N, C-alpha and C. Protein backbone atom coordinates (compact mmCIF):
# COMPACT_ATOMS: atom_id res chain seq x y z
N UNK A 1 -49.34 -98.72 -97.15
CA UNK A 1 -48.22 -99.72 -97.96
C UNK A 1 -48.44 -100.94 -97.33
N UNK A 2 -48.29 -101.22 -96.50
CA UNK A 2 -48.09 -102.04 -95.17
C UNK A 2 -49.42 -102.78 -95.10
N UNK A 3 -50.60 -102.28 -94.96
CA UNK A 3 -52.25 -102.93 -94.61
C UNK A 3 -52.61 -104.02 -96.22
N UNK A 4 -51.59 -103.16 -96.95
CA UNK A 4 -52.19 -104.38 -98.06
C UNK A 4 -51.57 -105.09 -98.74
N UNK A 5 -50.24 -104.74 -98.10
CA UNK A 5 -49.45 -106.35 -98.43
C UNK A 5 -49.80 -107.27 -97.16
N UNK A 6 -50.57 -107.12 -96.06
CA UNK A 6 -50.52 -108.02 -95.24
C UNK A 6 -51.69 -108.68 -95.54
N UNK A 7 -52.71 -108.00 -96.38
CA UNK A 7 -54.34 -108.11 -96.68
C UNK A 7 -54.05 -109.66 -98.15
N UNK A 8 -53.14 -108.87 -99.00
CA UNK A 8 -52.26 -109.69 -99.39
C UNK A 8 -52.17 -111.21 -99.35
N UNK A 9 -50.39 -110.85 -98.40
CA UNK A 9 -50.84 -112.27 -97.92
C UNK A 9 -52.20 -112.79 -97.43
N UNK A 10 -52.59 -112.41 -96.19
CA UNK A 10 -53.46 -113.05 -96.14
C UNK A 10 -55.11 -113.83 -96.68
N UNK A 11 -54.45 -113.26 -97.91
CA UNK A 11 -55.78 -113.52 -98.98
C UNK A 11 -57.00 -113.38 -98.60
N UNK A 12 -56.96 -112.00 -98.06
CA UNK A 12 -58.64 -111.02 -97.88
C UNK A 12 -58.57 -110.52 -98.76
N UNK A 13 -59.92 -111.17 -99.58
CA UNK A 13 -60.76 -110.90 -100.60
C UNK A 13 -60.91 -108.76 -100.72
N UNK A 14 -60.54 -108.71 -102.54
CA UNK A 14 -61.09 -107.21 -102.13
C UNK A 14 -60.00 -106.36 -103.03
N UNK A 15 -60.41 -105.59 -103.75
CA UNK A 15 -59.37 -104.71 -104.39
C UNK A 15 -58.14 -105.66 -105.75
N UNK A 16 -57.39 -105.00 -106.20
CA UNK A 16 -56.28 -105.50 -107.27
C UNK A 16 -55.19 -107.35 -105.97
N UNK A 17 -55.19 -107.19 -105.06
CA UNK A 17 -54.87 -108.04 -104.48
C UNK A 17 -55.35 -109.04 -103.81
N UNK A 18 -56.66 -108.78 -103.86
CA UNK A 18 -57.18 -109.98 -103.15
C UNK A 18 -57.44 -111.21 -104.15
N UNK A 19 -57.81 -112.76 -103.02
CA UNK A 19 -57.24 -113.83 -104.22
C UNK A 19 -58.32 -114.48 -103.97
N UNK A 20 -58.38 -115.38 -105.09
CA UNK A 20 -59.61 -116.28 -105.55
C UNK A 20 -59.19 -117.54 -106.03
N UNK A 21 -60.09 -118.06 -105.04
CA UNK A 21 -59.44 -120.03 -105.17
C UNK A 21 -57.81 -119.83 -105.27
N UNK A 22 -57.39 -119.30 -104.22
CA UNK A 22 -55.79 -119.90 -104.18
C UNK A 22 -55.18 -119.00 -105.56
N UNK A 23 -55.91 -118.27 -106.16
CA UNK A 23 -54.28 -117.21 -107.21
C UNK A 23 -54.73 -115.51 -107.46
N UNK A 24 -54.03 -114.97 -107.59
CA UNK A 24 -53.91 -113.68 -107.27
C UNK A 24 -54.93 -114.17 -108.82
N UNK A 25 -56.15 -112.46 -108.32
CA UNK A 25 -57.10 -112.15 -109.34
C UNK A 25 -56.51 -111.61 -110.66
N UNK A 26 -57.10 -112.04 -112.15
CA UNK A 26 -56.17 -110.65 -113.00
C UNK A 26 -57.00 -109.67 -113.08
N UNK A 27 -56.45 -108.72 -114.00
CA UNK A 27 -56.16 -107.02 -113.96
C UNK A 27 -57.80 -107.16 -115.00
N UNK A 28 -58.05 -106.77 -114.71
CA UNK A 28 -59.63 -105.97 -115.27
C UNK A 28 -58.89 -105.17 -116.97
N UNK A 29 -60.00 -104.76 -118.10
CA UNK A 29 -59.94 -104.05 -118.89
C UNK A 29 -59.46 -102.72 -118.29
N UNK A 30 -60.06 -101.70 -117.82
CA UNK A 30 -60.11 -100.39 -117.98
C UNK A 30 -58.55 -100.43 -116.87
N UNK A 31 -57.47 -101.31 -116.53
CA UNK A 31 -56.55 -101.16 -115.65
C UNK A 31 -54.91 -100.67 -117.29
N UNK A 32 -55.64 -100.95 -118.17
CA UNK A 32 -55.08 -101.07 -119.09
C UNK A 32 -55.05 -100.08 -120.18
N UNK A 33 -56.33 -98.98 -119.46
CA UNK A 33 -56.63 -98.05 -120.41
C UNK A 33 -56.08 -96.94 -119.58
N UNK A 34 -56.78 -95.45 -120.24
CA UNK A 34 -56.87 -94.26 -119.67
C UNK A 34 -58.20 -93.60 -120.32
N UNK A 35 -59.05 -93.58 -119.59
CA UNK A 35 -60.82 -92.77 -120.07
C UNK A 35 -60.75 -91.42 -119.90
N UNK A 36 -61.32 -90.79 -120.91
CA UNK A 36 -61.58 -89.38 -120.70
C UNK A 36 -63.24 -89.39 -121.50
N UNK A 37 -63.60 -88.28 -121.51
CA UNK A 37 -65.05 -87.91 -122.81
C UNK A 37 -64.50 -87.32 -122.99
N UNK A 38 -65.04 -86.78 -124.39
CA UNK A 38 -64.99 -86.12 -125.26
C UNK A 38 -66.13 -85.74 -126.08
N UNK A 39 -66.46 -85.21 -126.76
CA UNK A 39 -67.36 -84.44 -127.33
C UNK A 39 -67.35 -84.37 -129.12
N UNK A 40 -67.12 -84.92 -130.04
CA UNK A 40 -66.61 -84.78 -131.27
C UNK A 40 -68.52 -84.29 -132.27
N UNK A 41 -67.76 -82.97 -133.24
CA UNK A 41 -69.21 -83.03 -134.25
C UNK A 41 -69.29 -83.71 -135.40
N UNK A 42 -70.45 -83.98 -135.44
CA UNK A 42 -70.98 -84.82 -136.80
C UNK A 42 -72.51 -84.28 -136.79
N UNK A 43 -72.45 -84.48 -138.50
CA UNK A 43 -73.34 -84.08 -138.96
C UNK A 43 -74.12 -85.25 -139.49
N UNK A 44 -75.30 -84.58 -139.06
CA UNK A 44 -76.63 -85.74 -139.06
C UNK A 44 -78.12 -84.95 -139.32
N UNK A 45 -79.06 -86.21 -140.11
CA UNK A 45 -79.50 -85.46 -140.86
C UNK A 45 -81.09 -86.03 -139.75
N UNK A 46 -81.96 -85.22 -139.70
CA UNK A 46 -82.71 -85.38 -139.14
C UNK A 46 -84.21 -85.86 -139.41
N UNK A 47 -84.47 -87.37 -139.16
CA UNK A 47 -85.37 -87.87 -139.67
C UNK A 47 -86.80 -87.68 -140.18
N UNK A 48 -87.25 -87.07 -139.20
CA UNK A 48 -88.29 -86.12 -138.56
C UNK A 48 -88.64 -84.81 -140.32
N UNK A 49 -87.97 -84.14 -140.28
CA UNK A 49 -87.99 -82.37 -140.91
C UNK A 49 -86.75 -83.49 -142.24
N UNK A 50 -85.89 -84.01 -141.90
CA UNK A 50 -85.32 -84.45 -143.21
C UNK A 50 -84.27 -83.22 -143.67
N UNK A 51 -84.09 -81.54 -142.05
CA UNK A 51 -82.81 -81.31 -141.87
C UNK A 51 -81.59 -81.62 -141.64
N UNK A 52 -80.21 -81.37 -142.67
CA UNK A 52 -79.06 -82.16 -141.23
C UNK A 52 -78.68 -80.53 -141.50
N UNK A 53 -77.95 -81.17 -139.88
CA UNK A 53 -76.84 -79.38 -139.29
C UNK A 53 -76.05 -80.24 -138.43
N UNK A 54 -74.79 -79.52 -137.35
CA UNK A 54 -73.69 -80.55 -136.91
C UNK A 54 -74.36 -80.35 -135.76
N UNK A 55 -73.89 -81.44 -134.60
CA UNK A 55 -74.43 -82.09 -133.51
C UNK A 55 -72.82 -82.52 -133.05
N UNK A 56 -73.10 -82.37 -132.00
CA UNK A 56 -72.69 -82.92 -130.54
C UNK A 56 -72.71 -83.98 -129.78
N UNK A 57 -71.39 -85.18 -130.46
CA UNK A 57 -72.30 -85.99 -129.56
C UNK A 57 -70.94 -86.61 -129.10
N UNK A 58 -71.70 -87.14 -127.62
CA UNK A 58 -70.39 -87.37 -126.24
C UNK A 58 -69.92 -88.72 -126.90
N UNK A 59 -68.35 -88.51 -126.78
CA UNK A 59 -67.51 -90.30 -126.39
C UNK A 59 -67.39 -90.55 -125.18
N UNK A 60 -66.90 -91.71 -125.03
CA UNK A 60 -65.67 -92.11 -124.14
C UNK A 60 -64.58 -92.70 -124.91
N UNK A 61 -63.57 -92.66 -124.71
CA UNK A 61 -61.96 -92.12 -125.26
C UNK A 61 -61.80 -93.37 -123.97
N UNK A 62 -61.36 -94.61 -124.38
CA UNK A 62 -60.07 -95.80 -123.78
C UNK A 62 -59.28 -95.20 -124.45
N UNK A 63 -58.41 -95.00 -124.14
CA UNK A 63 -56.31 -94.87 -124.61
C UNK A 63 -55.44 -95.72 -124.45
N UNK A 64 -55.25 -97.19 -124.65
CA UNK A 64 -53.68 -98.02 -124.18
C UNK A 64 -53.35 -96.90 -123.45
N UNK A 65 -52.62 -97.57 -122.34
CA UNK A 65 -51.16 -96.31 -121.49
C UNK A 65 -50.29 -97.40 -122.32
N UNK A 66 -48.95 -96.23 -122.06
CA UNK A 66 -47.88 -96.78 -122.46
C UNK A 66 -47.37 -98.04 -122.09
N UNK A 67 -47.15 -97.82 -121.12
CA UNK A 67 -46.73 -99.71 -120.25
C UNK A 67 -47.62 -100.38 -119.13
N UNK A 68 -47.33 -101.49 -119.51
CA UNK A 68 -48.15 -102.53 -118.39
C UNK A 68 -48.22 -102.15 -117.04
N UNK A 69 -49.46 -102.02 -116.41
CA UNK A 69 -49.06 -101.72 -114.90
C UNK A 69 -48.67 -103.11 -114.31
N UNK A 70 -47.95 -102.68 -113.43
CA UNK A 70 -47.27 -103.38 -112.49
C UNK A 70 -48.12 -103.97 -112.04
N UNK A 71 -47.64 -105.59 -111.69
CA UNK A 71 -48.18 -107.01 -110.63
C UNK A 71 -48.83 -107.36 -112.10
N UNK A 72 -48.32 -107.58 -113.49
CA UNK A 72 -49.66 -108.15 -114.34
C UNK A 72 -48.42 -109.61 -114.60
N UNK A 73 -49.20 -110.61 -114.37
CA UNK A 73 -48.59 -111.76 -115.18
C UNK A 73 -47.83 -111.82 -116.50
N UNK A 74 -48.32 -113.54 -117.19
CA UNK A 74 -48.25 -114.04 -118.27
C UNK A 74 -49.36 -113.16 -119.57
N UNK A 75 -50.63 -114.35 -119.07
CA UNK A 75 -52.37 -113.90 -119.38
C UNK A 75 -52.31 -112.23 -119.51
N UNK A 76 -51.73 -111.18 -118.84
CA UNK A 76 -51.49 -109.82 -118.65
C UNK A 76 -51.35 -109.48 -119.38
N UNK A 77 -50.61 -109.40 -120.01
CA UNK A 77 -49.19 -109.68 -120.91
C UNK A 77 -49.74 -109.76 -122.26
N UNK A 78 -50.74 -110.79 -122.60
CA UNK A 78 -50.91 -110.99 -123.51
C UNK A 78 -52.32 -109.63 -124.25
N UNK A 79 -53.14 -109.85 -123.02
CA UNK A 79 -54.15 -109.57 -123.52
C UNK A 79 -53.71 -107.82 -123.49
N UNK A 80 -52.56 -107.22 -123.33
CA UNK A 80 -52.31 -106.01 -123.43
C UNK A 80 -51.99 -105.91 -124.55
N UNK A 81 -50.79 -106.51 -125.01
CA UNK A 81 -50.63 -106.42 -126.18
C UNK A 81 -51.64 -106.85 -127.51
N UNK A 82 -52.59 -107.56 -127.07
CA UNK A 82 -53.82 -107.22 -128.06
C UNK A 82 -54.98 -106.23 -127.64
N UNK A 83 -54.07 -105.56 -126.59
CA UNK A 83 -55.29 -104.32 -126.81
C UNK A 83 -55.23 -103.14 -127.87
N UNK A 84 -56.30 -102.37 -127.98
CA UNK A 84 -55.76 -100.80 -128.99
C UNK A 84 -56.69 -100.34 -128.24
N UNK A 85 -56.92 -99.15 -128.94
CA UNK A 85 -57.47 -97.84 -128.31
C UNK A 85 -58.52 -97.61 -128.95
N UNK A 86 -59.65 -97.21 -128.15
CA UNK A 86 -61.26 -97.37 -129.04
C UNK A 86 -62.40 -95.97 -128.05
N UNK A 87 -63.22 -95.89 -128.59
CA UNK A 87 -64.19 -94.96 -128.40
C UNK A 87 -65.44 -95.53 -127.84
N UNK A 88 -66.48 -95.25 -127.54
CA UNK A 88 -67.46 -95.94 -126.97
C UNK A 88 -68.88 -95.02 -127.23
N UNK A 89 -69.64 -94.40 -128.11
CA UNK A 89 -71.07 -93.26 -128.36
C UNK A 89 -71.39 -93.42 -126.83
N UNK A 90 -71.84 -92.26 -126.20
CA UNK A 90 -72.29 -92.83 -124.96
C UNK A 90 -73.90 -91.65 -125.46
N UNK A 91 -73.98 -91.36 -126.78
CA UNK A 91 -75.23 -90.28 -126.78
C UNK A 91 -75.55 -91.65 -127.09
N UNK A 92 -77.55 -91.54 -126.41
CA UNK A 92 -78.14 -92.37 -128.00
C UNK A 92 -79.41 -91.74 -128.38
N UNK A 93 -79.99 -90.58 -127.79
CA UNK A 93 -81.06 -89.85 -128.97
C UNK A 93 -80.70 -88.19 -128.64
N UNK A 94 -80.50 -87.79 -129.77
CA UNK A 94 -80.45 -86.43 -129.43
C UNK A 94 -81.49 -85.38 -130.10
N UNK A 95 -81.35 -83.98 -130.10
CA UNK A 95 -82.94 -83.02 -130.10
C UNK A 95 -82.55 -82.18 -131.37
N UNK A 96 -83.52 -82.27 -132.64
CA UNK A 96 -82.90 -81.52 -134.09
C UNK A 96 -82.09 -80.57 -133.41
N UNK A 97 -81.71 -79.84 -134.29
CA UNK A 97 -80.88 -78.60 -134.09
C UNK A 97 -82.35 -77.33 -135.11
N UNK A 98 -83.02 -77.99 -135.46
CA UNK A 98 -83.98 -76.86 -136.35
C UNK A 98 -85.29 -76.33 -135.34
N UNK A 99 -85.35 -75.25 -135.26
CA UNK A 99 -85.95 -74.55 -134.27
C UNK A 99 -87.61 -75.07 -134.00
N UNK A 100 -88.19 -74.89 -135.68
CA UNK A 100 -89.82 -75.81 -135.51
C UNK A 100 -89.59 -77.07 -134.96
N UNK A 101 -88.54 -78.00 -135.76
CA UNK A 101 -89.03 -79.65 -135.16
C UNK A 101 -89.24 -79.58 -133.72
N UNK A 102 -87.68 -79.69 -133.59
CA UNK A 102 -86.89 -79.92 -131.97
C UNK A 102 -87.11 -81.52 -131.03
N UNK A 103 -87.53 -82.19 -132.06
CA UNK A 103 -87.77 -83.60 -131.32
C UNK A 103 -86.60 -84.54 -131.53
N UNK A 104 -86.35 -85.07 -130.30
CA UNK A 104 -85.52 -85.82 -130.30
C UNK A 104 -85.45 -87.30 -130.93
N UNK A 105 -84.58 -87.53 -131.90
CA UNK A 105 -84.81 -88.85 -132.50
C UNK A 105 -82.77 -89.33 -132.15
N UNK A 106 -82.92 -91.06 -132.47
CA UNK A 106 -81.84 -91.70 -132.20
C UNK A 106 -81.16 -92.09 -133.21
N UNK A 107 -79.38 -92.14 -132.75
CA UNK A 107 -78.92 -91.42 -133.79
C UNK A 107 -78.09 -92.58 -134.45
N UNK A 108 -78.59 -93.41 -135.40
CA UNK A 108 -78.56 -94.49 -135.70
C UNK A 108 -77.80 -94.79 -136.70
N UNK A 109 -77.70 -93.80 -137.73
CA UNK A 109 -76.11 -93.59 -139.02
C UNK A 109 -75.03 -93.63 -138.43
N UNK A 110 -74.75 -93.52 -136.95
CA UNK A 110 -73.21 -93.08 -136.55
C UNK A 110 -72.99 -94.64 -135.74
N UNK A 111 -72.25 -95.43 -135.89
CA UNK A 111 -71.31 -96.66 -135.13
C UNK A 111 -71.35 -95.87 -133.80
N UNK A 112 -71.56 -97.31 -133.06
CA UNK A 112 -71.40 -96.89 -131.72
C UNK A 112 -69.97 -97.29 -131.12
N UNK A 113 -69.29 -98.15 -131.87
CA UNK A 113 -67.69 -98.05 -131.45
C UNK A 113 -66.77 -98.22 -132.29
N UNK A 114 -65.77 -97.15 -132.23
CA UNK A 114 -64.64 -96.88 -133.21
C UNK A 114 -62.98 -97.15 -132.89
N UNK A 115 -62.56 -97.91 -133.21
CA UNK A 115 -61.12 -98.36 -133.25
C UNK A 115 -59.90 -96.91 -133.32
N UNK A 116 -59.61 -96.78 -132.63
CA UNK A 116 -58.51 -95.42 -132.59
C UNK A 116 -57.23 -95.97 -133.32
N UNK A 117 -56.27 -95.20 -134.04
CA UNK A 117 -54.85 -95.26 -134.28
C UNK A 117 -54.19 -94.34 -133.39
N UNK A 118 -52.86 -95.40 -133.50
CA UNK A 118 -52.21 -94.27 -132.32
C UNK A 118 -50.97 -93.83 -133.49
């Protein structure tokens, strides 16, 4: 911990404690969220053969933390107050579940970002 404080006082760039143009760096979005990966099942239709089926789609879920991380200033508090939990689809293509088809198709019917209600 002493080394981190020494670097911070000296203004050495790097990490969250670095300085930029004489002021502390602001927090990044990842400091406000806990990130996990989840698979959710969706009913999708293959555009090639027309058969619908249940598919597992991978999502990156970013849930807002319970409280603001330490070292936040007024701008960070404002950003944290506006932040909202959401998930981003990470799969772009899936293979058809039909044994005769098995062709890859893009997931265009699912939205790529979805906000979560807490």
